[in-house]
């Protein structure tokens, strides 16, 4: 099965972090959808592009993958704003997800919206994170020395302070992995 278009190191880490009992969500479908479906219990996959949705839907059917709730939610543009696309996670109970992948439109809004839905120890992945956050990297188009892209990303930084963060790079793009701290009683 084809691996997701994330950095090779991120894929390697996820292969060990994902659990079959995880409920998961992804924004932006493709090779990751089939790969994730083989590693989690249930996956909600949200796609904005109609033609790509049809292509991935066919791929899921051909591979007889049945644990994916696949949704087409068009967005008028890539702006960081609320829409049906960004609000899919609103349907889910708080602390119900073990994994989230943000790799589609309105990434900052999706990332912030899904935070309350992640359970303790959950893993969150954001692809091309070098486009949005300021940290040392050599990947092209990076924000190194420029601060977060906008107020949404500044909010994301604030809300994930204290989370374990692993930045991986292929030299072309970066994939960020966040692990929500365990709540101790």
N, C-alpha and C. Protein backbone atom coordinates (compact mmCIF):
# COMPACT_ATOMS: atom_id res chain seq x y z
N UNK A 1 0.85 -1.18 0.00
CA UNK A 1 0.00 0.00 0.00
C UNK A 1 0.90 1.24 0.00
N UNK A 2 0.55 2.21 -0.81
CA UNK A 2 1.32 3.43 -0.89
C UNK A 2 1.31 4.17 0.43
N UNK A 3 2.44 4.76 0.74
CA UNK A 3 2.57 5.54 1.98
C UNK A 3 2.05 6.96 1.74
N UNK A 4 1.64 7.63 2.82
CA UNK A 4 1.17 9.02 2.69
C UNK A 4 2.27 9.96 2.20
N UNK A 5 1.86 11.06 1.60
CA UNK A 5 2.80 12.09 1.17
C UNK A 5 3.14 12.99 2.34
N UNK A 6 3.78 12.42 3.33
CA UNK A 6 4.33 13.14 4.47
C UNK A 6 5.83 12.90 4.41
N UNK A 7 6.59 13.51 5.30
CA UNK A 7 8.01 13.21 5.29
C UNK A 7 8.22 11.74 5.64
N UNK A 8 9.26 11.11 5.09
CA UNK A 8 9.51 9.70 5.40
C UNK A 8 9.63 9.43 6.91
N UNK A 9 10.27 10.33 7.64
CA UNK A 9 10.41 10.14 9.09
C UNK A 9 9.06 10.21 9.78
N UNK A 10 8.17 11.10 9.36
CA UNK A 10 6.84 11.18 9.95
C UNK A 10 6.07 9.89 9.72
N UNK A 11 6.14 9.34 8.52
CA UNK A 11 5.45 8.08 8.21
C UNK A 11 5.99 6.96 9.10
N UNK A 12 7.30 6.92 9.25
CA UNK A 12 7.92 5.91 10.10
C UNK A 12 7.44 6.03 11.55
N UNK A 13 7.41 7.25 12.07
CA UNK A 13 6.94 7.46 13.44
C UNK A 13 5.46 7.08 13.59
N UNK A 14 4.64 7.50 12.64
CA UNK A 14 3.21 7.21 12.72
C UNK A 14 2.94 5.71 12.67
N UNK A 15 3.74 4.99 11.92
CA UNK A 15 3.55 3.54 11.84
C UNK A 15 3.64 2.89 13.22
N UNK A 16 4.42 3.48 14.11
CA UNK A 16 4.54 2.97 15.47
C UNK A 16 3.59 3.61 16.47
N UNK A 17 3.08 4.81 16.16
CA UNK A 17 2.22 5.54 17.10
C UNK A 17 0.73 5.25 16.94
N UNK A 18 0.29 4.95 15.74
CA UNK A 18 -1.13 4.71 15.50
C UNK A 18 -1.56 3.38 16.11
N UNK A 19 -2.80 3.36 16.64
CA UNK A 19 -3.32 2.15 17.27
C UNK A 19 -4.62 1.75 16.60
N UNK A 20 -4.84 0.47 16.51
CA UNK A 20 -6.03 -0.06 15.86
C UNK A 20 -7.31 0.43 16.54
N UNK A 21 -7.25 0.75 17.82
CA UNK A 21 -8.44 1.22 18.52
C UNK A 21 -8.68 2.73 18.37
N UNK A 22 -7.79 3.42 17.69
CA UNK A 22 -7.94 4.87 17.51
C UNK A 22 -9.11 5.21 16.58
N UNK A 23 -9.88 6.21 17.00
CA UNK A 23 -10.79 6.90 16.09
C UNK A 23 -9.99 8.07 15.56
N UNK A 24 -10.10 8.35 14.27
CA UNK A 24 -9.23 9.33 13.64
C UNK A 24 -10.00 10.21 12.67
N UNK A 25 -9.39 11.35 12.36
CA UNK A 25 -9.94 12.27 11.36
C UNK A 25 -8.78 12.79 10.52
N UNK A 26 -9.05 13.02 9.24
CA UNK A 26 -8.07 13.67 8.37
C UNK A 26 -8.78 14.67 7.48
N UNK A 27 -8.13 15.80 7.29
CA UNK A 27 -8.57 16.78 6.30
C UNK A 27 -7.56 16.71 5.17
N UNK A 28 -8.03 16.42 3.96
CA UNK A 28 -7.16 16.22 2.82
C UNK A 28 -6.93 14.73 2.63
N UNK A 29 -7.58 14.15 1.63
CA UNK A 29 -7.50 12.70 1.44
C UNK A 29 -6.50 12.36 0.35
N UNK A 30 -6.28 11.06 0.18
CA UNK A 30 -5.36 10.57 -0.85
C UNK A 30 -4.73 9.28 -0.39
N UNK A 31 -3.44 9.14 -0.65
CA UNK A 31 -2.73 7.92 -0.24
C UNK A 31 -2.82 7.73 1.26
N UNK A 32 -2.86 8.83 2.00
CA UNK A 32 -2.95 8.72 3.46
C UNK A 32 -4.24 8.03 3.90
N UNK A 33 -5.31 8.18 3.15
CA UNK A 33 -6.61 7.65 3.56
C UNK A 33 -6.57 6.12 3.67
N UNK A 34 -6.10 5.44 2.65
CA UNK A 34 -6.00 3.98 2.69
C UNK A 34 -4.98 3.53 3.72
N UNK A 35 -3.86 4.23 3.79
CA UNK A 35 -2.79 3.88 4.73
C UNK A 35 -3.28 4.00 6.16
N UNK A 36 -3.95 5.10 6.48
CA UNK A 36 -4.48 5.29 7.83
C UNK A 36 -5.58 4.28 8.14
N UNK A 37 -6.47 4.03 7.19
CA UNK A 37 -7.57 3.09 7.41
C UNK A 37 -7.07 1.71 7.82
N UNK A 38 -5.91 1.33 7.35
CA UNK A 38 -5.32 0.03 7.71
C UNK A 38 -4.74 0.02 9.12
N UNK A 39 -4.63 1.19 9.76
CA UNK A 39 -3.95 1.30 11.05
C UNK A 39 -4.84 1.81 12.19
N UNK A 40 -6.03 2.30 11.87
CA UNK A 40 -6.92 2.82 12.92
C UNK A 40 -8.26 2.08 12.85
N UNK A 41 -9.06 2.25 13.90
CA UNK A 41 -10.37 1.60 13.94
C UNK A 41 -11.37 2.24 13.01
N UNK A 42 -11.48 3.56 13.10
CA UNK A 42 -12.43 4.29 12.26
C UNK A 42 -11.78 5.62 11.85
N UNK A 43 -12.01 6.01 10.61
CA UNK A 43 -11.43 7.24 10.07
C UNK A 43 -12.52 8.07 9.40
N UNK A 44 -12.60 9.33 9.80
CA UNK A 44 -13.40 10.31 9.06
C UNK A 44 -12.41 11.05 8.17
N UNK A 45 -12.68 11.06 6.87
CA UNK A 45 -11.80 11.73 5.92
C UNK A 45 -12.59 12.81 5.20
N UNK A 46 -12.07 14.03 5.21
CA UNK A 46 -12.76 15.19 4.66
C UNK A 46 -11.97 15.73 3.47
N UNK A 47 -12.64 15.86 2.33
CA UNK A 47 -11.99 16.32 1.11
C UNK A 47 -12.77 17.49 0.52
N UNK A 48 -12.05 18.53 0.10
CA UNK A 48 -12.67 19.73 -0.47
C UNK A 48 -12.85 19.65 -1.98
N UNK A 49 -11.94 19.01 -2.67
CA UNK A 49 -11.94 18.97 -4.13
C UNK A 49 -12.82 17.83 -4.65
N UNK A 50 -13.83 18.17 -5.46
CA UNK A 50 -14.78 17.19 -5.96
C UNK A 50 -14.18 16.10 -6.82
N UNK A 51 -13.30 16.46 -7.74
CA UNK A 51 -12.68 15.47 -8.62
C UNK A 51 -11.77 14.53 -7.82
N UNK A 52 -11.02 15.08 -6.89
CA UNK A 52 -10.14 14.25 -6.06
C UNK A 52 -10.98 13.34 -5.17
N UNK A 53 -12.08 13.86 -4.64
CA UNK A 53 -13.00 13.06 -3.83
C UNK A 53 -13.45 11.83 -4.62
N UNK A 54 -13.89 12.03 -5.85
CA UNK A 54 -14.35 10.90 -6.67
C UNK A 54 -13.24 9.88 -6.90
N UNK A 55 -12.05 10.36 -7.12
CA UNK A 55 -10.90 9.46 -7.36
C UNK A 55 -10.60 8.63 -6.11
N UNK A 56 -10.55 9.26 -4.95
CA UNK A 56 -10.24 8.54 -3.72
C UNK A 56 -11.39 7.62 -3.33
N UNK A 57 -12.63 8.05 -3.57
CA UNK A 57 -13.80 7.21 -3.28
C UNK A 57 -13.71 5.90 -4.06
N UNK A 58 -13.32 5.98 -5.32
CA UNK A 58 -13.14 4.79 -6.15
C UNK A 58 -12.01 3.91 -5.60
N UNK A 59 -10.92 4.54 -5.19
CA UNK A 59 -9.80 3.80 -4.61
C UNK A 59 -10.24 3.03 -3.36
N UNK A 60 -11.03 3.67 -2.50
CA UNK A 60 -11.52 3.01 -1.29
C UNK A 60 -12.42 1.82 -1.65
N UNK A 61 -13.28 1.99 -2.64
CA UNK A 61 -14.17 0.91 -3.07
C UNK A 61 -13.38 -0.25 -3.66
N UNK A 62 -12.40 0.06 -4.52
CA UNK A 62 -11.58 -0.99 -5.14
C UNK A 62 -10.81 -1.81 -4.10
N UNK A 63 -10.43 -1.17 -3.03
CA UNK A 63 -9.67 -1.87 -1.96
C UNK A 63 -10.59 -2.40 -0.86
N UNK A 64 -11.89 -2.25 -1.05
CA UNK A 64 -12.89 -2.74 -0.10
C UNK A 64 -12.63 -2.22 1.32
N UNK A 65 -12.28 -0.95 1.42
CA UNK A 65 -12.03 -0.32 2.71
C UNK A 65 -13.36 0.21 3.24
N UNK A 66 -13.77 -0.28 4.41
CA UNK A 66 -15.10 0.02 4.94
C UNK A 66 -15.10 0.81 6.26
N UNK A 67 -13.94 1.11 6.79
CA UNK A 67 -13.90 1.83 8.07
C UNK A 67 -13.65 3.33 7.89
N UNK A 68 -13.95 3.84 6.69
CA UNK A 68 -13.76 5.26 6.41
C UNK A 68 -15.11 5.92 6.13
N UNK A 69 -15.40 6.95 6.90
CA UNK A 69 -16.54 7.83 6.65
C UNK A 69 -16.00 8.96 5.78
N UNK A 70 -16.18 8.83 4.47
CA UNK A 70 -15.55 9.74 3.51
C UNK A 70 -16.54 10.84 3.12
N UNK A 71 -16.12 12.10 3.29
CA UNK A 71 -17.02 13.24 3.08
C UNK A 71 -16.43 14.27 2.12
N UNK A 72 -17.29 14.72 1.22
CA UNK A 72 -16.92 15.82 0.33
C UNK A 72 -17.54 17.09 0.89
N UNK A 73 -16.71 18.02 1.31
CA UNK A 73 -17.15 19.31 1.85
C UNK A 73 -16.41 20.41 1.11
N UNK A 74 -16.99 20.94 0.04
CA UNK A 74 -16.31 22.00 -0.72
C UNK A 74 -16.06 23.24 0.14
N UNK A 75 -14.99 23.92 -0.16
CA UNK A 75 -14.70 25.22 0.46
C UNK A 75 -14.49 26.21 -0.68
N UNK A 76 -14.98 27.44 -0.51
CA UNK A 76 -14.86 28.41 -1.60
C UNK A 76 -13.42 28.84 -1.87
N UNK A 77 -12.56 28.75 -0.86
CA UNK A 77 -11.16 29.12 -1.03
C UNK A 77 -10.38 28.54 0.14
N UNK A 78 -9.10 28.78 0.17
CA UNK A 78 -8.22 28.21 1.19
C UNK A 78 -8.11 29.07 2.44
N UNK A 79 -8.92 30.11 2.54
CA UNK A 79 -8.81 31.03 3.67
C UNK A 79 -9.05 30.36 5.00
N UNK A 80 -8.45 30.92 6.03
CA UNK A 80 -8.62 30.43 7.39
C UNK A 80 -9.93 30.96 7.95
N UNK A 81 -11.01 30.25 7.68
CA UNK A 81 -12.30 30.66 8.20
C UNK A 81 -13.18 29.44 8.39
N UNK A 82 -14.23 29.63 9.16
CA UNK A 82 -15.15 28.54 9.45
C UNK A 82 -15.97 28.18 8.21
N UNK A 83 -16.23 26.90 8.04
CA UNK A 83 -17.06 26.39 6.94
C UNK A 83 -17.51 24.99 7.33
N UNK A 84 -18.35 24.38 6.51
CA UNK A 84 -18.74 22.99 6.75
C UNK A 84 -17.50 22.11 6.82
N UNK A 85 -16.52 22.41 5.98
CA UNK A 85 -15.27 21.66 5.92
C UNK A 85 -14.54 21.71 7.27
N UNK A 86 -14.37 22.89 7.81
CA UNK A 86 -13.60 23.02 9.06
C UNK A 86 -14.38 22.57 10.28
N UNK A 87 -15.71 22.52 10.16
CA UNK A 87 -16.54 22.18 11.32
C UNK A 87 -16.90 20.71 11.44
N UNK A 88 -16.37 19.84 10.61
CA UNK A 88 -16.69 18.42 10.69
C UNK A 88 -16.39 17.88 12.09
N UNK A 89 -15.32 18.31 12.69
CA UNK A 89 -14.96 17.80 14.02
C UNK A 89 -15.93 18.25 15.10
N UNK A 90 -16.73 19.28 14.84
CA UNK A 90 -17.72 19.74 15.82
C UNK A 90 -18.74 18.65 16.16
N UNK A 91 -18.96 17.72 15.25
CA UNK A 91 -19.91 16.63 15.46
C UNK A 91 -19.42 15.62 16.49
N UNK A 92 -18.14 15.62 16.75
CA UNK A 92 -17.53 14.58 17.58
C UNK A 92 -17.50 14.97 19.05
N UNK A 93 -17.63 13.99 19.94
CA UNK A 93 -17.51 14.29 21.37
C UNK A 93 -16.08 14.74 21.71
N UNK A 94 -15.96 15.59 22.71
CA UNK A 94 -14.63 15.97 23.19
C UNK A 94 -13.89 14.71 23.64
N UNK A 95 -12.58 14.74 23.44
CA UNK A 95 -11.67 13.66 23.85
C UNK A 95 -12.03 12.30 23.24
N UNK A 96 -12.52 12.29 21.99
CA UNK A 96 -12.92 11.04 21.35
C UNK A 96 -11.95 10.55 20.28
N UNK A 97 -10.97 11.36 19.93
CA UNK A 97 -10.05 11.00 18.85
C UNK A 97 -8.65 10.65 19.36
N UNK A 98 -8.08 9.63 18.76
CA UNK A 98 -6.70 9.27 19.07
C UNK A 98 -5.72 9.81 18.05
N UNK A 99 -6.25 10.30 16.91
CA UNK A 99 -5.37 10.78 15.84
C UNK A 99 -6.09 11.80 14.97
N UNK A 100 -5.34 12.82 14.53
CA UNK A 100 -5.84 13.79 13.55
C UNK A 100 -4.72 14.15 12.58
N UNK A 101 -5.05 14.20 11.30
CA UNK A 101 -4.12 14.65 10.26
C UNK A 101 -4.73 15.86 9.59
N UNK A 102 -3.99 16.96 9.56
CA UNK A 102 -4.43 18.20 8.91
C UNK A 102 -3.53 18.43 7.71
N UNK A 103 -4.09 18.22 6.51
CA UNK A 103 -3.31 18.30 5.27
C UNK A 103 -4.18 18.76 4.11
N UNK A 104 -5.13 19.64 4.39
CA UNK A 104 -6.02 20.12 3.34
C UNK A 104 -6.15 21.63 3.40
N UNK A 105 -7.34 22.12 3.11
CA UNK A 105 -7.63 23.55 3.14
C UNK A 105 -7.77 24.04 4.57
N UNK A 106 -7.65 25.35 4.76
CA UNK A 106 -7.89 26.01 6.06
C UNK A 106 -7.25 25.24 7.22
N UNK A 107 -5.97 24.93 7.08
CA UNK A 107 -5.29 24.06 8.04
C UNK A 107 -5.29 24.61 9.46
N UNK A 108 -5.07 25.90 9.61
CA UNK A 108 -5.03 26.48 10.95
C UNK A 108 -6.36 26.35 11.66
N UNK A 109 -7.45 26.63 10.95
CA UNK A 109 -8.79 26.52 11.53
C UNK A 109 -9.10 25.08 11.88
N UNK A 110 -8.81 24.15 10.99
CA UNK A 110 -9.05 22.73 11.27
C UNK A 110 -8.23 22.28 12.48
N UNK A 111 -6.96 22.68 12.53
CA UNK A 111 -6.09 22.28 13.63
C UNK A 111 -6.61 22.80 14.97
N UNK A 112 -7.01 24.05 15.01
CA UNK A 112 -7.54 24.62 16.27
C UNK A 112 -8.87 23.98 16.66
N UNK A 113 -9.75 23.75 15.68
CA UNK A 113 -11.06 23.18 15.97
C UNK A 113 -10.99 21.76 16.52
N UNK A 114 -10.01 20.99 16.10
CA UNK A 114 -9.96 19.58 16.50
C UNK A 114 -9.29 19.38 17.87
N UNK A 115 -8.60 20.38 18.38
CA UNK A 115 -7.86 20.21 19.64
C UNK A 115 -8.70 19.66 20.79
N UNK A 116 -9.92 20.18 21.05
CA UNK A 116 -10.71 19.64 22.16
C UNK A 116 -11.18 18.20 21.92
N UNK A 117 -11.15 17.76 20.69
CA UNK A 117 -11.63 16.42 20.34
C UNK A 117 -10.57 15.34 20.57
N UNK A 118 -9.34 15.76 20.80
CA UNK A 118 -8.23 14.82 20.99
C UNK A 118 -8.16 14.35 22.43
N UNK A 119 -8.03 13.05 22.60
CA UNK A 119 -7.90 12.48 23.94
C UNK A 119 -6.46 12.58 24.43
N UNK A 120 -6.24 12.33 25.70
CA UNK A 120 -4.88 12.32 26.25
C UNK A 120 -4.03 11.32 25.48
N UNK A 121 -2.82 11.71 25.13
CA UNK A 121 -1.93 10.84 24.38
C UNK A 121 -2.17 10.82 22.89
N UNK A 122 -3.19 11.55 22.41
CA UNK A 122 -3.51 11.57 20.98
C UNK A 122 -2.38 12.19 20.18
N UNK A 123 -2.30 11.80 18.92
CA UNK A 123 -1.30 12.29 17.99
C UNK A 123 -1.99 13.17 16.95
N UNK A 124 -1.38 14.33 16.71
CA UNK A 124 -1.88 15.25 15.68
C UNK A 124 -0.74 15.54 14.71
N UNK A 125 -1.04 15.48 13.42
CA UNK A 125 -0.03 15.71 12.38
C UNK A 125 -0.50 16.85 11.49
N UNK A 126 0.42 17.77 11.20
CA UNK A 126 0.14 18.84 10.23
C UNK A 126 1.24 18.80 9.18
N UNK A 127 0.83 18.60 7.93
CA UNK A 127 1.82 18.55 6.86
C UNK A 127 2.12 19.96 6.37
N UNK A 128 3.31 20.13 5.82
CA UNK A 128 3.80 21.42 5.32
C UNK A 128 3.78 22.47 6.41
N UNK A 129 4.07 22.06 7.62
CA UNK A 129 4.01 22.97 8.78
C UNK A 129 4.98 24.14 8.63
N UNK A 130 6.00 23.97 7.84
CA UNK A 130 6.98 25.04 7.61
C UNK A 130 6.33 26.26 6.94
N UNK A 131 5.17 26.11 6.32
CA UNK A 131 4.46 27.23 5.70
C UNK A 131 3.72 28.08 6.74
N UNK A 132 3.54 27.54 7.95
CA UNK A 132 2.66 28.17 8.93
C UNK A 132 3.33 28.61 10.22
N UNK A 133 4.34 27.86 10.67
CA UNK A 133 4.99 28.17 11.94
C UNK A 133 6.45 28.53 11.75
N UNK A 134 6.94 29.33 12.67
CA UNK A 134 8.33 29.79 12.67
C UNK A 134 9.16 28.85 13.55
N UNK A 135 10.09 28.14 12.93
CA UNK A 135 11.06 27.30 13.65
C UNK A 135 12.20 27.05 12.67
N UNK A 136 13.35 26.62 13.17
CA UNK A 136 14.51 26.43 12.29
C UNK A 136 14.32 25.27 11.31
N UNK A 137 14.31 25.59 10.03
CA UNK A 137 14.24 24.57 8.97
C UNK A 137 14.82 25.17 7.70
N UNK A 138 15.26 24.30 6.81
CA UNK A 138 15.81 24.76 5.54
C UNK A 138 14.86 24.51 4.37
N UNK A 139 13.69 23.99 4.65
CA UNK A 139 12.73 23.70 3.57
C UNK A 139 12.28 25.01 2.91
N UNK A 140 12.10 24.99 1.59
CA UNK A 140 11.66 26.20 0.87
C UNK A 140 10.30 26.69 1.35
N UNK A 141 10.09 27.98 1.29
CA UNK A 141 8.81 28.57 1.67
C UNK A 141 8.56 28.61 3.17
N UNK A 142 9.62 28.41 3.94
CA UNK A 142 9.47 28.34 5.40
C UNK A 142 9.32 29.71 6.03
N UNK A 143 8.79 29.73 7.24
CA UNK A 143 8.54 30.96 7.99
C UNK A 143 9.66 31.24 9.00
N UNK A 144 10.79 30.60 8.88
CA UNK A 144 11.89 30.80 9.80
C UNK A 144 12.19 32.29 9.96
N UNK A 145 12.12 32.77 11.21
CA UNK A 145 12.39 34.17 11.51
C UNK A 145 11.23 35.12 11.24
N UNK A 146 10.07 34.61 10.81
CA UNK A 146 8.94 35.47 10.45
C UNK A 146 7.76 35.38 11.42
N UNK A 147 7.81 34.49 12.38
CA UNK A 147 6.68 34.31 13.29
C UNK A 147 5.61 33.44 12.65
N UNK A 148 4.52 33.16 13.39
CA UNK A 148 3.44 32.36 12.81
C UNK A 148 2.76 33.09 11.67
N UNK A 149 2.15 32.35 10.77
CA UNK A 149 1.53 32.92 9.57
C UNK A 149 0.47 33.95 9.88
N UNK A 150 -0.37 33.70 10.91
CA UNK A 150 -1.45 34.63 11.23
C UNK A 150 -1.94 34.36 12.66
N UNK A 151 -3.00 35.03 13.06
CA UNK A 151 -3.53 34.91 14.42
C UNK A 151 -4.04 33.49 14.71
N UNK A 152 -4.55 32.80 13.71
CA UNK A 152 -5.02 31.43 13.91
C UNK A 152 -3.86 30.53 14.32
N UNK A 153 -2.73 30.69 13.65
CA UNK A 153 -1.56 29.88 13.98
C UNK A 153 -0.94 30.31 15.30
N UNK A 154 -1.02 31.57 15.65
CA UNK A 154 -0.55 32.02 16.97
C UNK A 154 -1.42 31.36 18.05
N UNK A 155 -2.72 31.28 17.81
CA UNK A 155 -3.63 30.60 18.74
C UNK A 155 -3.27 29.13 18.87
N UNK A 156 -2.97 28.48 17.75
CA UNK A 156 -2.58 27.07 17.77
C UNK A 156 -1.33 26.87 18.64
N UNK A 157 -0.35 27.73 18.47
CA UNK A 157 0.88 27.64 19.28
C UNK A 157 0.54 27.75 20.76
N UNK A 158 -0.29 28.71 21.10
CA UNK A 158 -0.68 28.92 22.49
C UNK A 158 -1.41 27.70 23.06
N UNK A 159 -2.35 27.15 22.29
CA UNK A 159 -3.17 26.05 22.78
C UNK A 159 -2.43 24.72 22.83
N UNK A 160 -1.31 24.61 22.14
CA UNK A 160 -0.53 23.36 22.19
C UNK A 160 0.76 23.52 23.00
N UNK A 161 0.88 24.63 23.70
CA UNK A 161 2.06 24.81 24.56
C UNK A 161 2.08 23.67 25.58
N UNK A 162 3.20 23.06 25.76
CA UNK A 162 3.31 21.95 26.69
C UNK A 162 3.10 20.58 26.03
N UNK A 163 2.67 20.56 24.78
CA UNK A 163 2.54 19.30 24.06
C UNK A 163 3.92 18.90 23.53
N UNK A 164 4.17 17.62 23.43
CA UNK A 164 5.40 17.16 22.78
C UNK A 164 5.28 17.46 21.29
N UNK A 165 6.34 18.01 20.72
CA UNK A 165 6.33 18.39 19.31
C UNK A 165 7.55 17.79 18.63
N UNK A 166 7.32 17.15 17.50
CA UNK A 166 8.40 16.55 16.71
C UNK A 166 8.29 17.12 15.30
N UNK A 167 9.31 17.82 14.86
CA UNK A 167 9.32 18.36 13.50
C UNK A 167 10.22 17.48 12.64
N UNK A 168 9.67 17.04 11.51
CA UNK A 168 10.44 16.22 10.58
C UNK A 168 10.55 16.97 9.26
N UNK A 169 11.62 16.74 8.54
CA UNK A 169 11.84 17.45 7.28
C UNK A 169 12.42 16.51 6.23
N UNK A 170 11.98 16.70 5.01
CA UNK A 170 12.58 15.98 3.88
C UNK A 170 13.56 16.89 3.15
N UNK A 171 13.66 18.15 3.59
CA UNK A 171 14.46 19.14 2.89
C UNK A 171 13.64 19.90 1.86
N UNK A 172 12.47 19.36 1.53
CA UNK A 172 11.55 19.99 0.59
C UNK A 172 10.32 20.49 1.33
N UNK A 173 9.84 19.70 2.27
CA UNK A 173 8.71 20.10 3.11
C UNK A 173 8.89 19.49 4.49
N UNK A 174 8.11 19.99 5.43
CA UNK A 174 8.19 19.52 6.81
C UNK A 174 6.83 19.00 7.26
N UNK A 175 6.84 18.01 8.12
CA UNK A 175 5.64 17.49 8.75
C UNK A 175 5.83 17.61 10.26
N UNK A 176 4.86 18.23 10.92
CA UNK A 176 4.90 18.39 12.37
C UNK A 176 4.01 17.36 13.05
N UNK A 177 4.49 16.83 14.16
CA UNK A 177 3.73 15.86 14.95
C UNK A 177 3.62 16.41 16.37
N UNK A 178 2.39 16.46 16.89
CA UNK A 178 2.14 16.89 18.26
C UNK A 178 1.53 15.72 19.01
N UNK A 179 1.92 15.54 20.27
CA UNK A 179 1.35 14.51 21.12
C UNK A 179 0.77 15.21 22.34
N UNK A 180 -0.54 15.03 22.52
CA UNK A 180 -1.25 15.67 23.62
C UNK A 180 -0.82 15.03 24.95
N UNK A 181 -0.49 15.84 25.93
CA UNK A 181 -0.03 15.28 27.21
C UNK A 181 -1.10 14.39 27.86
N UNK A 182 -0.61 13.40 28.55
CA UNK A 182 -1.50 12.52 29.33
C UNK A 182 -2.02 13.32 30.53
N UNK A 183 -3.29 13.16 30.82
CA UNK A 183 -3.87 13.78 31.99
C UNK A 183 -3.67 12.84 33.17
N UNK A 184 -3.05 13.35 34.20
CA UNK A 184 -2.80 12.51 35.39
C UNK A 184 -3.81 12.87 36.48
N UNK A 185 -4.34 11.83 37.08
CA UNK A 185 -5.32 12.04 38.18
C UNK A 185 -4.63 12.13 39.51
